[in-house]
């Protein structure tokens, strides 16, 4: 048995799509007050620095088959700067539909003091200068927060505020306040794959007062073989002191 692999971005979307909008009202209390304070424009204005580390791994019968680690850093204070690094190992490397044809890729993108975009990419040690416009760099920054805006909902990035606001009422019992700046969502579900095998998914994430993800963990496994599973973890930091790279050596 083998759990089907999906893309990292696709995973985040799939995990959130399970939350379906409804018209129920959020019960009065601290959770409602916390959720109703979410506002994307305020979030984007206040979050100047952010980084994320996502690790997705696949195990078969308890043995690690492959993993992919993606690190992203953004800075948008006195400089518009984006850095990403992806490390691929095991079965994630290859030419298949959900595989990668490199082992390591780094990208630097920023807008310099003249207002021009600068971008370099290093793939398995090979450096290439890319032609980017300032709007391309700004798009990368925005994509950290969201990749799609539909019917007023921001989705596909680290901003979960709109999802939570729309669905907190229906899934209210899955939410809890860890403290006055952290809201957590946790749920375990059971489904069946195309072969009618029962699959368990354990999913948990937390967000800060702006609706930005702080951490996330998801584990999907077969009920009859819990040693075969996929696991994704995500950790975000909004006070990172990353030492910026401007050119690869």
C-alpha atoms as a PDB file:
ATOM      1  CA  UNK A   1       0.000   0.000   0.000  1.00  0.00           C
ATOM      2  CA  UNK A   2       1.185   3.467  -0.804  1.00  0.00           C
ATOM      3  CA  UNK A   3      -0.381   6.802   0.049  1.00  0.00           C
ATOM      4  CA  UNK A   4      -0.603   9.025  -3.007  1.00  0.00           C
ATOM      5  CA  UNK A   5       1.842  11.911  -2.967  1.00  0.00           C
ATOM      6  CA  UNK A   6       0.573  15.437  -3.613  1.00  0.00           C
ATOM      7  CA  UNK A   7       2.395  18.730  -4.070  1.00  0.00           C
ATOM      8  CA  UNK A   8       3.246  20.871  -1.046  1.00  0.00           C
ATOM      9  CA  UNK A   9       1.071  23.783  -2.157  1.00  0.00           C
ATOM     10  CA  UNK A  10      -1.654  21.350  -3.087  1.00  0.00           C
ATOM     11  CA  UNK A  11      -1.442  19.812   0.361  1.00  0.00           C
ATOM     12  CA  UNK A  12      -2.106  23.110   2.077  1.00  0.00           C
ATOM     13  CA  UNK A  13      -5.050  23.807  -0.204  1.00  0.00           C
ATOM     14  CA  UNK A  14      -6.488  20.308   0.280  1.00  0.00           C
ATOM     15  CA  UNK A  15      -6.194  20.588   4.038  1.00  0.00           C
ATOM     16  CA  UNK A  16      -8.036  23.870   4.073  1.00  0.00           C
ATOM     17  CA  UNK A  17     -10.655  23.048   1.458  1.00  0.00           C
ATOM     18  CA  UNK A  18     -12.256  20.697   3.978  1.00  0.00           C
ATOM     19  CA  UNK A  19     -13.486  23.804   5.768  1.00  0.00           C
ATOM     20  CA  UNK A  20     -16.715  24.684   3.976  1.00  0.00           C
ATOM     21  CA  UNK A  21     -18.343  28.081   4.374  1.00  0.00           C
ATOM     22  CA  UNK A  22     -21.590  28.182   6.286  1.00  0.00           C
ATOM     23  CA  UNK A  23     -23.975  30.740   7.728  1.00  0.00           C
ATOM     24  CA  UNK A  24     -23.795  29.644  11.372  1.00  0.00           C
ATOM     25  CA  UNK A  25     -22.769  32.240  13.914  1.00  0.00           C
ATOM     26  CA  UNK A  26     -19.612  31.866  15.976  1.00  0.00           C
ATOM     27  CA  UNK A  27     -20.554  31.501  19.660  1.00  0.00           C
ATOM     28  CA  UNK A  28     -19.841  34.573  21.752  1.00  0.00           C
ATOM     29  CA  UNK A  29     -16.564  34.578  23.596  1.00  0.00           C
ATOM     30  CA  UNK A  30     -12.814  34.981  23.296  1.00  0.00           C
ATOM     31  CA  UNK A  31     -12.486  32.788  20.215  1.00  0.00           C
ATOM     32  CA  UNK A  32     -15.064  34.868  18.325  1.00  0.00           C
ATOM     33  CA  UNK A  33     -13.338  38.101  19.361  1.00  0.00           C
ATOM     34  CA  UNK A  34      -9.999  36.688  18.209  1.00  0.00           C
ATOM     35  CA  UNK A  35     -11.349  35.550  14.829  1.00  0.00           C
ATOM     36  CA  UNK A  36     -13.322  38.715  14.093  1.00  0.00           C
ATOM     37  CA  UNK A  37     -10.149  40.774  14.523  1.00  0.00           C
ATOM     38  CA  UNK A  38      -8.568  39.201  11.413  1.00  0.00           C
ATOM     39  CA  UNK A  39      -8.055  41.692   8.597  1.00  0.00           C
ATOM     40  CA  UNK A  40      -5.792  40.971   5.637  1.00  0.00           C
ATOM     41  CA  UNK A  41      -4.780  44.582   4.984  1.00  0.00           C
ATOM     42  CA  UNK A  42      -3.779  45.048   8.621  1.00  0.00           C
ATOM     43  CA  UNK A  43      -1.916  41.747   8.521  1.00  0.00           C
ATOM     44  CA  UNK A  44       0.074  42.658   5.418  1.00  0.00           C
ATOM     45  CA  UNK A  45       0.902  46.070   6.848  1.00  0.00           C
ATOM     46  CA  UNK A  46       2.196  44.704  10.142  1.00  0.00           C
ATOM     47  CA  UNK A  47       4.092  41.620   8.988  1.00  0.00           C
ATOM     48  CA  UNK A  48       7.396  43.004   7.687  1.00  0.00           C
ATOM     49  CA  UNK A  49       9.610  39.943   8.160  1.00  0.00           C
ATOM     50  CA  UNK A  50       8.690  36.285   7.825  1.00  0.00           C
ATOM     51  CA  UNK A  51      10.219  32.907   7.189  1.00  0.00           C
ATOM     52  CA  UNK A  52       8.840  29.420   6.872  1.00  0.00           C
ATOM     53  CA  UNK A  53      10.333  25.954   6.917  1.00  0.00           C
ATOM     54  CA  UNK A  54       8.220  23.164   5.440  1.00  0.00           C
ATOM     55  CA  UNK A  55       9.263  19.520   5.493  1.00  0.00           C
ATOM     56  CA  UNK A  56       7.246  16.876   3.665  1.00  0.00           C
ATOM     57  CA  UNK A  57       8.254  13.228   4.050  1.00  0.00           C
ATOM     58  CA  UNK A  58       6.945   9.890   2.865  1.00  0.00           C
ATOM     59  CA  UNK A  59       7.488   6.636   4.763  1.00  0.00           C
ATOM     60  CA  UNK A  60       6.838   3.081   3.652  1.00  0.00           C
ATOM     61  CA  UNK A  61       6.744   0.350   6.296  1.00  0.00           C
ATOM     62  CA  UNK A  62       8.562   2.663   8.686  1.00  0.00           C
ATOM     63  CA  UNK A  63      11.395   3.529   6.276  1.00  0.00           C
ATOM     64  CA  UNK A  64      11.881   7.057   4.971  1.00  0.00           C
ATOM     65  CA  UNK A  65      11.542   6.984   1.178  1.00  0.00           C
ATOM     66  CA  UNK A  66      12.006  10.665   0.454  1.00  0.00           C
ATOM     67  CA  UNK A  67      11.656  14.183   1.763  1.00  0.00           C
ATOM     68  CA  UNK A  68      11.527  17.738   0.535  1.00  0.00           C
ATOM     69  CA  UNK A  69      12.442  20.736   2.660  1.00  0.00           C
ATOM     70  CA  UNK A  70      11.485  24.229   1.559  1.00  0.00           C
ATOM     71  CA  UNK A  71      12.726  27.317   3.351  1.00  0.00           C
ATOM     72  CA  UNK A  72      11.381  30.772   2.462  1.00  0.00           C
ATOM     73  CA  UNK A  73      12.313  34.188   3.811  1.00  0.00           C
ATOM     74  CA  UNK A  74      10.734  37.555   3.015  1.00  0.00           C
ATOM     75  CA  UNK A  75      11.632  41.072   4.084  1.00  0.00           C
ATOM     76  CA  UNK A  76       9.610  44.160   3.139  1.00  0.00           C
ATOM     77  CA  UNK A  77      10.663  47.020   5.347  1.00  0.00           C
ATOM     78  CA  UNK A  78      13.341  49.283   3.858  1.00  0.00           C
ATOM     79  CA  UNK A  79      14.109  46.602   1.252  1.00  0.00           C
ATOM     80  CA  UNK A  80      11.894  44.256  -0.755  1.00  0.00           C
ATOM     81  CA  UNK A  81      13.680  40.907  -0.542  1.00  0.00           C
ATOM     82  CA  UNK A  82      12.764  37.253  -1.132  1.00  0.00           C
ATOM     83  CA  UNK A  83      14.893  34.137  -0.635  1.00  0.00           C
ATOM     84  CA  UNK A  84      13.987  30.484  -1.026  1.00  0.00           C
ATOM     85  CA  UNK A  85      15.824  27.197  -0.740  1.00  0.00           C
ATOM     86  CA  UNK A  86      14.511  23.732  -1.584  1.00  0.00           C
ATOM     87  CA  UNK A  87      16.293  20.468  -0.745  1.00  0.00           C
ATOM     88  CA  UNK A  88      15.051  17.232  -2.321  1.00  0.00           C
ATOM     89  CA  UNK A  89      15.968  13.678  -1.370  1.00  0.00           C
ATOM     90  CA  UNK A  90      14.969  10.087  -2.058  1.00  0.00           C
ATOM     91  CA  UNK A  91      11.825   9.381  -4.058  1.00  0.00           C
ATOM     92  CA  UNK A  92      10.973  13.066  -4.413  1.00  0.00           C
ATOM     93  CA  UNK A  93      13.839  13.336  -6.919  1.00  0.00           C
ATOM     94  CA  UNK A  94      13.037  12.299 -10.485  1.00  0.00           C
ATOM     95  CA  UNK A  95      10.983  13.187 -13.543  1.00  0.00           C
ATOM     96  CA  UNK A  96       7.573  12.015 -12.327  1.00  0.00           C
ATOM     97  CA  UNK A  97       4.545  14.274 -12.045  1.00  0.00           C
ATOM     98  CA  UNK A  98       5.168  15.132  -8.373  1.00  0.00           C
ATOM     99  CA  UNK A  99       8.952  14.798  -8.430  1.00  0.00           C
ATOM    100  CA  UNK A 100      11.743  17.361  -8.780  1.00  0.00           C
ATOM    101  CA  UNK A 101      14.594  17.264 -11.308  1.00  0.00           C
ATOM    102  CA  UNK A 102      17.124  18.791  -8.899  1.00  0.00           C
ATOM    103  CA  UNK A 103      18.489  18.084  -5.439  1.00  0.00           C
ATOM    104  CA  UNK A 104      18.895  21.676  -4.260  1.00  0.00           C
ATOM    105  CA  UNK A 105      17.721  25.016  -5.570  1.00  0.00           C
ATOM    106  CA  UNK A 106      18.208  28.497  -4.100  1.00  0.00           C
ATOM    107  CA  UNK A 107      16.730  31.745  -5.388  1.00  0.00           C
ATOM    108  CA  UNK A 108      17.479  35.349  -4.406  1.00  0.00           C
ATOM    109  CA  UNK A 109      15.171  38.137  -5.555  1.00  0.00           C
ATOM    110  CA  UNK A 110      15.159  41.759  -4.439  1.00  0.00           C
ATOM    111  CA  UNK A 111      14.638  45.346  -5.558  1.00  0.00           C
ATOM    112  CA  UNK A 112      17.856  47.380  -5.331  1.00  0.00           C
ATOM    113  CA  UNK A 113      18.362  51.049  -4.409  1.00  0.00           C
ATOM    114  CA  UNK A 114      17.792  52.078  -8.048  1.00  0.00           C
ATOM    115  CA  UNK A 115      14.396  50.409  -8.104  1.00  0.00           C
ATOM    116  CA  UNK A 116      15.557  47.564 -10.329  1.00  0.00           C
ATOM    117  CA  UNK A 117      14.886  43.897  -9.710  1.00  0.00           C
ATOM    118  CA  UNK A 118      17.815  41.559  -9.133  1.00  0.00           C
ATOM    119  CA  UNK A 119      17.401  37.794  -9.202  1.00  0.00           C
ATOM    120  CA  UNK A 120      19.827  34.890  -9.066  1.00  0.00           C
ATOM    121  CA  UNK A 121      19.130  31.180  -9.013  1.00  0.00           C
ATOM    122  CA  UNK A 122      21.493  28.358  -8.057  1.00  0.00           C
ATOM    123  CA  UNK A 123      20.431  24.842  -9.010  1.00  0.00           C
ATOM    124  CA  UNK A 124      22.690  21.988  -7.914  1.00  0.00           C
ATOM    125  CA  UNK A 125      25.633  24.403  -7.911  1.00  0.00           C
ATOM    126  CA  UNK A 126      24.887  26.053 -11.293  1.00  0.00           C
ATOM    127  CA  UNK A 127      24.258  29.808 -10.992  1.00  0.00           C
ATOM    128  CA  UNK A 128      21.994  31.691 -13.367  1.00  0.00           C
ATOM    129  CA  UNK A 129      20.912  35.334 -13.409  1.00  0.00           C
ATOM    130  CA  UNK A 130      17.197  35.687 -14.098  1.00  0.00           C
ATOM    131  CA  UNK A 131      15.362  38.600 -15.665  1.00  0.00           C
ATOM    132  CA  UNK A 132      12.769  39.819 -13.172  1.00  0.00           C
ATOM    133  CA  UNK A 133      10.779  43.033 -12.920  1.00  0.00           C
ATOM    134  CA  UNK A 134      10.019  44.794  -9.619  1.00  0.00           C
ATOM    135  CA  UNK A 135       6.440  43.536  -9.901  1.00  0.00           C
ATOM    136  CA  UNK A 136       7.772  39.954 -10.120  1.00  0.00           C
ATOM    137  CA  UNK A 137       9.588  40.400  -6.810  1.00  0.00           C
ATOM    138  CA  UNK A 138       6.515  41.966  -5.223  1.00  0.00           C
ATOM    139  CA  UNK A 139       4.466  39.004  -6.457  1.00  0.00           C
ATOM    140  CA  UNK A 140       6.837  36.621  -4.666  1.00  0.00           C
ATOM    141  CA  UNK A 141       6.390  38.625  -1.459  1.00  0.00           C
ATOM    142  CA  UNK A 142       2.609  38.616  -1.799  1.00  0.00           C
ATOM    143  CA  UNK A 143       2.652  34.870  -2.513  1.00  0.00           C
ATOM    144  CA  UNK A 144       3.975  34.210   0.962  1.00  0.00           C
ATOM    145  CA  UNK A 145       0.655  35.541   2.244  1.00  0.00           C
ATOM    146  CA  UNK A 146      -1.642  34.184  -0.490  1.00  0.00           C
ATOM    147  CA  UNK A 147      -1.543  32.868  -4.052  1.00  0.00           C
ATOM    148  CA  UNK A 148      -5.192  33.176  -4.969  1.00  0.00           C
ATOM    149  CA  UNK A 149      -7.921  35.705  -4.191  1.00  0.00           C
ATOM    150  CA  UNK A 150     -11.441  34.504  -4.869  1.00  0.00           C
ATOM    151  CA  UNK A 151     -14.735  35.956  -3.648  1.00  0.00           C
ATOM    152  CA  UNK A 152     -12.836  38.000  -1.071  1.00  0.00           C
ATOM    153  CA  UNK A 153     -10.931  35.010   0.331  1.00  0.00           C
ATOM    154  CA  UNK A 154      -7.139  34.921   0.363  1.00  0.00           C
ATOM    155  CA  UNK A 155      -5.880  31.367  -0.034  1.00  0.00           C
ATOM    156  CA  UNK A 156      -2.811  29.324  -0.849  1.00  0.00           C
ATOM    157  CA  UNK A 157      -0.336  31.085   1.446  1.00  0.00           C
ATOM    158  CA  UNK A 158       0.411  31.542   5.129  1.00  0.00           C
ATOM    159  CA  UNK A 159      -2.546  33.854   5.777  1.00  0.00           C
ATOM    160  CA  UNK A 160      -5.385  31.662   7.106  1.00  0.00           C
ATOM    161  CA  UNK A 161      -7.521  34.488   8.470  1.00  0.00           C
ATOM    162  CA  UNK A 162     -10.214  34.341   5.786  1.00  0.00           C
ATOM    163  CA  UNK A 163     -10.581  30.552   5.995  1.00  0.00           C
ATOM    164  CA  UNK A 164     -10.945  30.650   9.740  1.00  0.00           C
ATOM    165  CA  UNK A 165     -13.382  33.568   9.702  1.00  0.00           C
ATOM    166  CA  UNK A 166     -15.627  31.779   7.202  1.00  0.00           C
ATOM    167  CA  UNK A 167     -15.585  28.377   8.889  1.00  0.00           C
ATOM    168  CA  UNK A 168     -14.956  28.839  12.586  1.00  0.00           C
ATOM    169  CA  UNK A 169     -18.665  28.528  13.424  1.00  0.00           C
ATOM    170  CA  UNK A 170     -19.097  25.121  11.786  1.00  0.00           C
ATOM    171  CA  UNK A 171     -15.871  23.707  13.220  1.00  0.00           C
ATOM    172  CA  UNK A 172     -15.967  25.670  16.452  1.00  0.00           C
ATOM    173  CA  UNK A 173     -15.226  22.638  18.660  1.00  0.00           C
ATOM    174  CA  UNK A 174     -11.956  22.088  16.768  1.00  0.00           C
ATOM    175  CA  UNK A 175     -10.612  25.518  17.744  1.00  0.00           C
ATOM    176  CA  UNK A 176      -8.990  26.536  21.013  1.00  0.00           C
ATOM    177  CA  UNK A 177      -7.116  29.557  22.295  1.00  0.00           C
ATOM    178  CA  UNK A 178      -3.654  28.655  23.531  1.00  0.00           C
ATOM    179  CA  UNK A 179      -3.056  32.212  24.749  1.00  0.00           C
ATOM    180  CA  UNK A 180      -4.219  35.720  23.862  1.00  0.00           C
ATOM    181  CA  UNK A 181      -2.114  35.680  20.663  1.00  0.00           C
ATOM    182  CA  UNK A 182      -2.454  32.083  19.449  1.00  0.00           C
ATOM    183  CA  UNK A 183      -5.457  30.195  18.061  1.00  0.00           C
ATOM    184  CA  UNK A 184      -5.195  26.449  17.365  1.00  0.00           C
ATOM    185  CA  UNK A 185      -7.218  24.148  15.114  1.00  0.00           C
ATOM    186  CA  UNK A 186      -7.013  20.353  15.462  1.00  0.00           C
ATOM    187  CA  UNK A 187      -8.955  17.526  13.814  1.00  0.00           C
ATOM    188  CA  UNK A 188      -8.583  13.816  13.010  1.00  0.00           C
ATOM    189  CA  UNK A 189     -10.513  12.355  10.069  1.00  0.00           C
ATOM    190  CA  UNK A 190     -11.085   8.971   8.432  1.00  0.00           C
ATOM    191  CA  UNK A 191     -11.584   8.395   4.691  1.00  0.00           C
ATOM    192  CA  UNK A 192     -11.026   5.714   2.050  1.00  0.00           C
ATOM    193  CA  UNK A 193      -8.641   5.746  -0.897  1.00  0.00           C
ATOM    194  CA  UNK A 194      -9.351   4.464  -4.419  1.00  0.00           C
ATOM    195  CA  UNK A 195      -8.698   0.909  -3.218  1.00  0.00           C
ATOM    196  CA  UNK A 196     -11.209   1.250  -0.345  1.00  0.00           C
ATOM    197  CA  UNK A 197      -8.404   1.219   2.209  1.00  0.00           C
ATOM    198  CA  UNK A 198      -9.144   3.293   5.320  1.00  0.00           C
ATOM    199  CA  UNK A 199      -6.880   6.321   5.667  1.00  0.00           C
ATOM    200  CA  UNK A 200      -6.454   8.364   8.840  1.00  0.00           C
ATOM    201  CA  UNK A 201      -5.460  12.035   8.697  1.00  0.00           C
ATOM    202  CA  UNK A 202      -4.334  13.924  11.793  1.00  0.00           C
ATOM    203  CA  UNK A 203      -4.177  17.664  11.176  1.00  0.00           C
ATOM    204  CA  UNK A 204      -3.284  20.574  13.445  1.00  0.00           C
ATOM    205  CA  UNK A 205      -2.240  24.191  12.953  1.00  0.00           C
ATOM    206  CA  UNK A 206      -2.038  27.430  14.899  1.00  0.00           C
ATOM    207  CA  UNK A 207      -2.161  31.075  13.844  1.00  0.00           C
ATOM    208  CA  UNK A 208      -1.164  34.351  15.445  1.00  0.00           C
ATOM    209  CA  UNK A 209      -3.306  37.423  16.087  1.00  0.00           C
ATOM    210  CA  UNK A 210      -3.020  38.452  12.410  1.00  0.00           C
ATOM    211  CA  UNK A 211      -4.205  35.093  11.104  1.00  0.00           C
ATOM    212  CA  UNK A 212      -0.729  34.040   9.944  1.00  0.00           C
ATOM    213  CA  UNK A 213       0.328  30.413  10.402  1.00  0.00           C
ATOM    214  CA  UNK A 214       2.727  29.760  13.258  1.00  0.00           C
ATOM    215  CA  UNK A 215       2.994  25.991  12.846  1.00  0.00           C
ATOM    216  CA  UNK A 216       1.238  23.132  11.102  1.00  0.00           C
ATOM    217  CA  UNK A 217       1.476  19.367  11.184  1.00  0.00           C
ATOM    218  CA  UNK A 218      -0.336  16.767   9.123  1.00  0.00           C
ATOM    219  CA  UNK A 219       0.080  12.996   9.128  1.00  0.00           C
ATOM    220  CA  UNK A 220      -1.815  10.685   6.775  1.00  0.00           C
ATOM    221  CA  UNK A 221      -1.568   6.920   7.242  1.00  0.00           C
ATOM    222  CA  UNK A 222      -3.358   3.656   6.547  1.00  0.00           C
ATOM    223  CA  UNK A 223      -5.395   2.371   9.492  1.00  0.00           C
ATOM    224  CA  UNK A 224      -4.091  -1.155   8.947  1.00  0.00           C
ATOM    225  CA  UNK A 225      -0.483  -0.080   8.416  1.00  0.00           C
ATOM    226  CA  UNK A 226       0.402   3.013  10.414  1.00  0.00           C
ATOM    227  CA  UNK A 227       4.073   2.631   9.429  1.00  0.00           C
ATOM    228  CA  UNK A 228       3.211   3.741   5.876  1.00  0.00           C
ATOM    229  CA  UNK A 229       2.401   7.436   5.920  1.00  0.00           C
ATOM    230  CA  UNK A 230       3.095  10.916   4.663  1.00  0.00           C
ATOM    231  CA  UNK A 231       3.919  13.714   7.057  1.00  0.00           C
ATOM    232  CA  UNK A 232       4.216  17.455   6.624  1.00  0.00           C
ATOM    233  CA  UNK A 233       5.402  19.974   9.189  1.00  0.00           C
ATOM    234  CA  UNK A 234       5.520  23.735   8.817  1.00  0.00           C
ATOM    235  CA  UNK A 235       7.032  26.315  11.160  1.00  0.00           C
ATOM    236  CA  UNK A 236       6.873  30.083  10.596  1.00  0.00           C
ATOM    237  CA  UNK A 237       8.743  32.893  12.327  1.00  0.00           C
ATOM    238  CA  UNK A 238       7.838  36.572  12.045  1.00  0.00           C
ATOM    239  CA  UNK A 239      10.902  37.937  13.835  1.00  0.00           C
ATOM    240  CA  UNK A 240      13.630  36.166  11.869  1.00  0.00           C
ATOM    241  CA  UNK A 241      17.156  37.593  11.674  1.00  0.00           C
ATOM    242  CA  UNK A 242      18.150  35.944   8.394  1.00  0.00           C
ATOM    243  CA  UNK A 243      21.500  37.140   7.025  1.00  0.00           C
ATOM    244  CA  UNK A 244      20.596  38.315   3.559  1.00  0.00           C
ATOM    245  CA  UNK A 245      22.419  36.957   0.522  1.00  0.00           C
ATOM    246  CA  UNK A 246      22.746  39.292  -2.471  1.00  0.00           C
ATOM    247  CA  UNK A 247      24.783  37.118  -4.828  1.00  0.00           C
ATOM    248  CA  UNK A 248      25.765  33.464  -4.875  1.00  0.00           C
ATOM    249  CA  UNK A 249      29.404  32.476  -4.717  1.00  0.00           C
END
